[in-house]
Amino acid sequence: MFGDSFFKKVEQKTNVSKDTILSLANKLQNGNMKDEKVLSEVVDEIANMTGKEISNEKKDKIIKTIIKDEVPDNVDSMF
């Protein structure tokens, strides 16, 4: 679907490796997005990829919002 050149461009701009992107995509595709453990791992991985720290309170809020299917169209409004 995406070639190596695509991943090289993404890695140059984000410092996120192809393996990390594929790992996250696999987790999202194969994981149960209603499972708090899976969601917690995904949130942690995204936080690590972006270099952002996330409080347990904010992580819990994100997980509960996803489980309840209450993710707003404008995700920025969650924060």
C-alpha atoms as a PDB file:
ATOM      1  CA  MET A   1       0.000   0.000   0.000  1.00  0.00           C
ATOM      2  CA  PHE A   2       2.687   2.496   1.023  1.00  0.00           C
ATOM      3  CA  GLY A   3       6.212   2.261  -0.307  1.00  0.00           C
ATOM      4  CA  ASP A   4       9.466   2.715   1.554  1.00  0.00           C
ATOM      5  CA  SER A   5       9.809   6.239   0.164  1.00  0.00           C
ATOM      6  CA  PHE A   6       6.579   7.218   1.917  1.00  0.00           C
ATOM      7  CA  PHE A   7       7.820   5.878   5.238  1.00  0.00           C
ATOM      8  CA  LYS A   8      11.199   7.570   4.796  1.00  0.00           C
ATOM      9  CA  LYS A   9       9.462  10.922   4.288  1.00  0.00           C
ATOM     10  CA  VAL A  10       7.278  10.379   7.347  1.00  0.00           C
ATOM     11  CA  GLU A  11      10.281   9.341   9.424  1.00  0.00           C
ATOM     12  CA  GLN A  12      12.239  12.430   8.344  1.00  0.00           C
ATOM     13  CA  LYS A  13       9.388  14.734   9.306  1.00  0.00           C
ATOM     14  CA  THR A  14       8.286  13.013  12.516  1.00  0.00           C
ATOM     15  CA  ASN A  15      11.251  10.958  13.747  1.00  0.00           C
ATOM     16  CA  VAL A  16       8.850   7.993  13.949  1.00  0.00           C
ATOM     17  CA  SER A  17      10.188   4.825  12.346  1.00  0.00           C
ATOM     18  CA  LYS A  18       8.388   2.643   9.833  1.00  0.00           C
ATOM     19  CA  ASP A  19       8.390  -0.223  12.345  1.00  0.00           C
ATOM     20  CA  THR A  20       6.713   1.960  14.964  1.00  0.00           C
ATOM     21  CA  ILE A  21       4.052   3.111  12.511  1.00  0.00           C
ATOM     22  CA  LEU A  22       3.361  -0.442  11.352  1.00  0.00           C
ATOM     23  CA  SER A  23       3.262  -1.715  14.926  1.00  0.00           C
ATOM     24  CA  LEU A  24       0.697   0.900  15.883  1.00  0.00           C
ATOM     25  CA  ALA A  25      -1.359   0.254  12.748  1.00  0.00           C
ATOM     26  CA  ASN A  26      -1.339  -3.473  13.488  1.00  0.00           C
ATOM     27  CA  LYS A  27      -2.407  -2.867  17.072  1.00  0.00           C
ATOM     28  CA  LEU A  28      -5.252  -0.615  15.914  1.00  0.00           C
ATOM     29  CA  GLN A  29      -6.344  -3.058  13.226  1.00  0.00           C
ATOM     30  CA  ASN A  30      -6.194  -6.226  15.307  1.00  0.00           C
ATOM     31  CA  GLY A  31      -6.943  -4.870  18.748  1.00  0.00           C
ATOM     32  CA  ASN A  32     -10.248  -4.671  20.471  1.00  0.00           C
ATOM     33  CA  MET A  33     -10.846  -0.939  20.631  1.00  0.00           C
ATOM     34  CA  LYS A  34     -13.265  -1.475  23.516  1.00  0.00           C
ATOM     35  CA  ASP A  35     -10.570  -3.150  25.633  1.00  0.00           C
ATOM     36  CA  GLU A  36      -9.078  -0.718  28.156  1.00  0.00           C
ATOM     37  CA  LYS A  37      -5.703  -2.496  28.091  1.00  0.00           C
ATOM     38  CA  VAL A  38      -5.408  -2.232  24.298  1.00  0.00           C
ATOM     39  CA  LEU A  39      -6.476   1.404  24.363  1.00  0.00           C
ATOM     40  CA  SER A  40      -4.035   2.178  27.154  1.00  0.00           C
ATOM     41  CA  GLU A  41      -1.187   0.673  25.121  1.00  0.00           C
ATOM     42  CA  VAL A  42      -2.226   2.654  22.038  1.00  0.00           C
ATOM     43  CA  VAL A  43      -2.444   5.932  23.969  1.00  0.00           C
ATOM     44  CA  ASP A  44       0.960   5.283  25.564  1.00  0.00           C
ATOM     45  CA  GLU A  45       2.517   4.445  22.206  1.00  0.00           C
ATOM     46  CA  ILE A  46       1.126   7.603  20.598  1.00  0.00           C
ATOM     47  CA  ALA A  47       2.352   9.691  23.537  1.00  0.00           C
ATOM     48  CA  ASN A  48       5.820   8.151  23.166  1.00  0.00           C
ATOM     49  CA  MET A  49       5.803   8.707  19.397  1.00  0.00           C
ATOM     50  CA  THR A  50       4.912  12.363  19.803  1.00  0.00           C
ATOM     51  CA  GLY A  51       7.196  12.944  22.777  1.00  0.00           C
ATOM     52  CA  LYS A  52       4.267  14.101  24.902  1.00  0.00           C
ATOM     53  CA  GLU A  53       3.605  13.149  28.475  1.00  0.00           C
ATOM     54  CA  ILE A  54       0.056  12.246  29.371  1.00  0.00           C
ATOM     55  CA  SER A  55      -1.403  12.198  32.846  1.00  0.00           C
ATOM     56  CA  ASN A  56      -3.281   9.141  34.051  1.00  0.00           C
ATOM     57  CA  GLU A  57      -6.372  11.313  34.387  1.00  0.00           C
ATOM     58  CA  LYS A  58      -6.224  12.454  30.755  1.00  0.00           C
ATOM     59  CA  LYS A  59      -5.455   8.917  29.552  1.00  0.00           C
ATOM     60  CA  ASP A  60      -8.459   7.567  31.472  1.00  0.00           C
ATOM     61  CA  LYS A  61     -10.661  10.294  29.954  1.00  0.00           C
ATOM     62  CA  ILE A  62      -9.503   9.412  26.427  1.00  0.00           C
ATOM     63  CA  ILE A  63     -10.085   5.688  27.008  1.00  0.00           C
ATOM     64  CA  LYS A  64     -13.562   6.203  28.468  1.00  0.00           C
ATOM     65  CA  THR A  65     -14.500   8.527  25.602  1.00  0.00           C
ATOM     66  CA  ILE A  66     -13.457   5.942  23.013  1.00  0.00           C
ATOM     67  CA  ILE A  67     -15.213   3.067  24.800  1.00  0.00           C
ATOM     68  CA  LYS A  68     -18.451   5.064  25.023  1.00  0.00           C
ATOM     69  CA  ASP A  69     -18.205   6.048  21.319  1.00  0.00           C
ATOM     70  CA  GLU A  70     -18.256   9.701  22.309  1.00  0.00           C
ATOM     71  CA  VAL A  71     -15.247  10.875  20.303  1.00  0.00           C
ATOM     72  CA  PRO A  72     -16.129  14.328  18.966  1.00  0.00           C
ATOM     73  CA  ASP A  73     -15.595  15.316  15.342  1.00  0.00           C
ATOM     74  CA  ASN A  74     -13.086  17.882  16.595  1.00  0.00           C
ATOM     75  CA  VAL A  75     -10.762  15.766  18.751  1.00  0.00           C
ATOM     76  CA  ASP A  76      -8.936  18.902  19.914  1.00  0.00           C
ATOM     77  CA  SER A  77     -12.036  19.784  21.962  1.00  0.00           C
ATOM     78  CA  MET A  78     -11.292  16.776  24.207  1.00  0.00           C
ATOM     79  CA  PHE A  79      -8.210  18.548  25.534  1.00  0.00           C
END
